[in-house]
Protein backbone atom coordinates (compact mmCIF):
# COMPACT_ATOMS: atom_id res chain seq x y z
CA MET A 1 30.22 45.60 69.86
CA ASN A 2 29.17 43.40 66.95
CA LEU A 3 25.60 42.11 67.24
CA GLN A 4 25.34 40.39 63.84
CA ARG A 5 24.52 36.69 63.81
CA THR A 6 26.98 34.45 62.05
CA ASP A 7 25.07 31.16 62.42
CA ARG A 8 22.70 31.89 59.57
CA GLN A 9 21.37 28.74 57.82
CA THR A 10 21.20 28.47 54.05
CA GLY A 11 19.12 26.14 51.87
CA PHE A 12 15.68 25.73 50.37
CA THR A 13 12.42 25.95 52.21
CA LEU A 14 9.84 23.20 52.03
CA VAL A 15 7.57 25.42 49.91
CA GLU A 16 10.34 26.03 47.37
CA LEU A 17 11.02 22.30 47.09
CA MET A 18 7.31 21.56 46.64
CA VAL A 19 7.07 24.13 43.82
CA VAL A 20 9.99 22.48 42.02
CA VAL A 21 8.41 19.02 42.40
CA VAL A 22 5.07 20.28 40.99
CA ILE A 23 6.81 21.89 38.00
CA LEU A 24 8.76 18.70 37.27
CA GLY A 25 5.55 16.67 37.50
CA LEU A 26 3.78 18.95 35.01
CA LEU A 27 6.69 18.78 32.57
CA GLY A 28 6.81 14.99 32.88
CA GLY A 29 3.08 14.71 32.19
CA ILE A 30 3.32 16.87 29.08
CA GLY A 31 6.28 14.83 27.84
CA ALA A 32 4.45 11.53 28.40
CA VAL A 33 1.44 12.68 26.36
CA ALA A 34 3.67 13.87 23.50
CA PHE A 35 5.63 10.61 23.55
CA ARG A 36 2.45 8.50 23.43
CA LYS A 37 1.21 10.41 20.36
CA PHE A 38 4.62 9.95 18.72
CA GLY A 39 4.33 6.18 19.28
CA LYS A 40 0.91 6.05 17.63
CA ASN A 41 2.16 7.95 14.58
CA ALA A 42 5.17 5.65 14.30
CA LYS A 43 2.92 2.58 14.17
CA LEU A 44 0.84 4.18 11.40
CA ASP A 45 3.98 4.89 9.39
CA VAL A 46 5.33 1.35 9.91
CA ALA A 47 2.02 -0.13 8.74
CA ALA A 48 1.99 2.01 5.58
CA VAL A 49 5.60 1.08 4.73
CA ARG A 50 4.92 -2.63 5.33
CA CYS A 51 1.86 -2.45 3.04
CA ALA A 52 4.01 -0.98 0.25
CA GLU A 53 6.77 -3.57 0.79
CA LEU A 54 4.33 -6.47 0.75
CA GLU A 55 2.62 -5.16 -2.39
CA LYS A 56 5.97 -5.07 -4.20
CA ALA A 57 6.78 -8.58 -3.00
CA ILE A 58 3.38 -9.86 -4.14
CA ASP A 59 3.79 -8.20 -7.55
CA GLY A 60 7.17 -9.89 -8.01
CA PHE A 61 5.80 -13.23 -6.85
CA THR A 62 2.74 -13.16 -9.10
CA ILE A 63 4.81 -12.26 -12.18
CA ARG A 64 6.56 -15.62 -12.04
CA THR A 65 3.64 -17.74 -10.83
CA ASP A 66 0.15 -18.42 -12.00
CA ASN A 67 -2.61 -16.10 -10.93
CA VAL A 68 -3.06 -16.56 -7.18
CA GLU A 69 -6.24 -15.62 -5.34
CA ALA A 70 -5.84 -12.65 -3.00
CA ASP A 71 -6.85 -14.75 0.02
CA ASP A 72 -4.15 -17.35 -0.73
CA VAL A 73 -1.21 -15.17 -1.77
CA PHE A 74 0.51 -15.06 1.65
CA ASP A 75 0.20 -18.84 2.05
CA ALA A 76 1.70 -19.34 -1.41
CA MET A 77 4.56 -16.97 -0.62
CA LEU A 78 5.26 -18.77 2.67
CA GLU A 79 5.25 -22.10 0.86
CA ASP A 80 7.65 -20.72 -1.75
CA LYS A 81 9.91 -19.41 1.09
CA LEU A 82 9.56 -15.77 0.01
CA LEU A 83 8.32 -15.01 3.50
CA LYS A 84 10.10 -16.50 6.51
CA SER A 85 7.13 -16.81 8.85
CA ARG A 86 3.67 -15.54 9.64
CA LYS A 87 5.31 -12.75 11.67
CA ASP A 88 6.30 -11.19 8.32
CA ILE A 89 2.65 -10.56 7.49
CA LYS A 90 1.52 -9.00 10.77
CA ASP A 91 0.91 -5.30 11.24
CA PRO A 92 2.15 -3.31 14.26
CA TRP A 93 -1.02 -4.25 16.17
CA GLY A 94 -0.42 -8.01 15.69
CA GLU A 95 -3.07 -8.62 13.02
CA GLU A 96 -2.38 -10.15 9.60
CA PHE A 97 -2.45 -7.78 6.68
CA VAL A 98 -5.42 -8.13 4.32
CA VAL A 99 -4.83 -8.69 0.58
CA ARG A 100 -7.40 -7.64 -2.00
CA LYS A 101 -7.51 -6.99 -5.71
CA ASP A 102 -8.56 -3.59 -7.01
CA GLU A 103 -10.64 -2.86 -10.11
CA ASP A 104 -7.52 -3.12 -12.30
CA ASP A 105 -6.75 -6.61 -10.90
CA ASN A 106 -3.75 -5.30 -8.94
CA TYR A 107 -3.04 -6.62 -5.46
CA ILE A 108 -3.40 -4.16 -2.61
CA VAL A 109 -2.35 -4.78 0.99
CA ILE A 110 -4.28 -3.22 3.87
CA SER A 111 -3.71 -3.05 7.62
CA LYS A 112 -6.81 -3.18 9.79
CA GLY A 113 -5.37 -0.37 11.89
CA PRO A 114 -5.48 0.23 15.64
CA ASP A 115 -9.05 -1.03 16.06
CA LYS A 116 -8.10 -4.39 14.47
CA SER A 117 -11.34 -4.41 12.45
CA GLU A 118 -11.56 -4.61 8.68
CA ASP A 119 -13.38 -1.98 6.58
CA THR A 120 -13.32 0.79 9.20
CA ASP A 121 -12.14 4.40 9.06
CA ASP A 122 -8.70 3.65 10.48
CA ASP A 123 -7.61 1.08 7.87
CA ILE A 124 -4.16 1.78 6.42
CA GLY A 125 -2.78 1.23 2.91
CA ARG A 126 0.57 1.94 1.28
CA ASN A 127 -0.15 5.69 1.20
CA GLY A 128 -1.39 5.94 4.78
CA LYS A 129 -4.95 5.96 6.04
CA LEU A 130 -7.50 4.79 3.49
CA ASN A 131 -10.17 7.16 4.83
CA GLU A 132 -8.64 10.55 5.56
CA ALA A 133 -11.88 11.92 7.04
CA ASP A 134 -10.92 10.73 10.53
CA GLU A 135 -7.76 12.56 11.56
CA ASP A 136 -7.34 11.34 15.14
CA PHE A 137 -7.88 7.80 16.29
């Protein structure tokens, strides 16, 4: 006589499914944090590259024009059709880049950075952050 049961059910228990859901949630949370940091770094890099590009454009523009004040250089370039629109002079945070002249009378372009305030630790120039003392903002 054979007393073995043949109607045995197979599948996952509720506890096993809950463990899998918790693990997936943890992995998703870690991935979201890493992705957010990647997005911040990308904006910093875009701002630095745009500063360098605009400085080169300003240098080329000022070679063939009279000396233009730093505050007026973007307006003059827009008028001369070297820039298509005001969108061309906005940083990744939606603020206009700032133009100044250094001690050698060269034009420098600066992004106000994530805090959108001028002359703070997170300002960005063509080589990255202007003040490297603050590593994480």
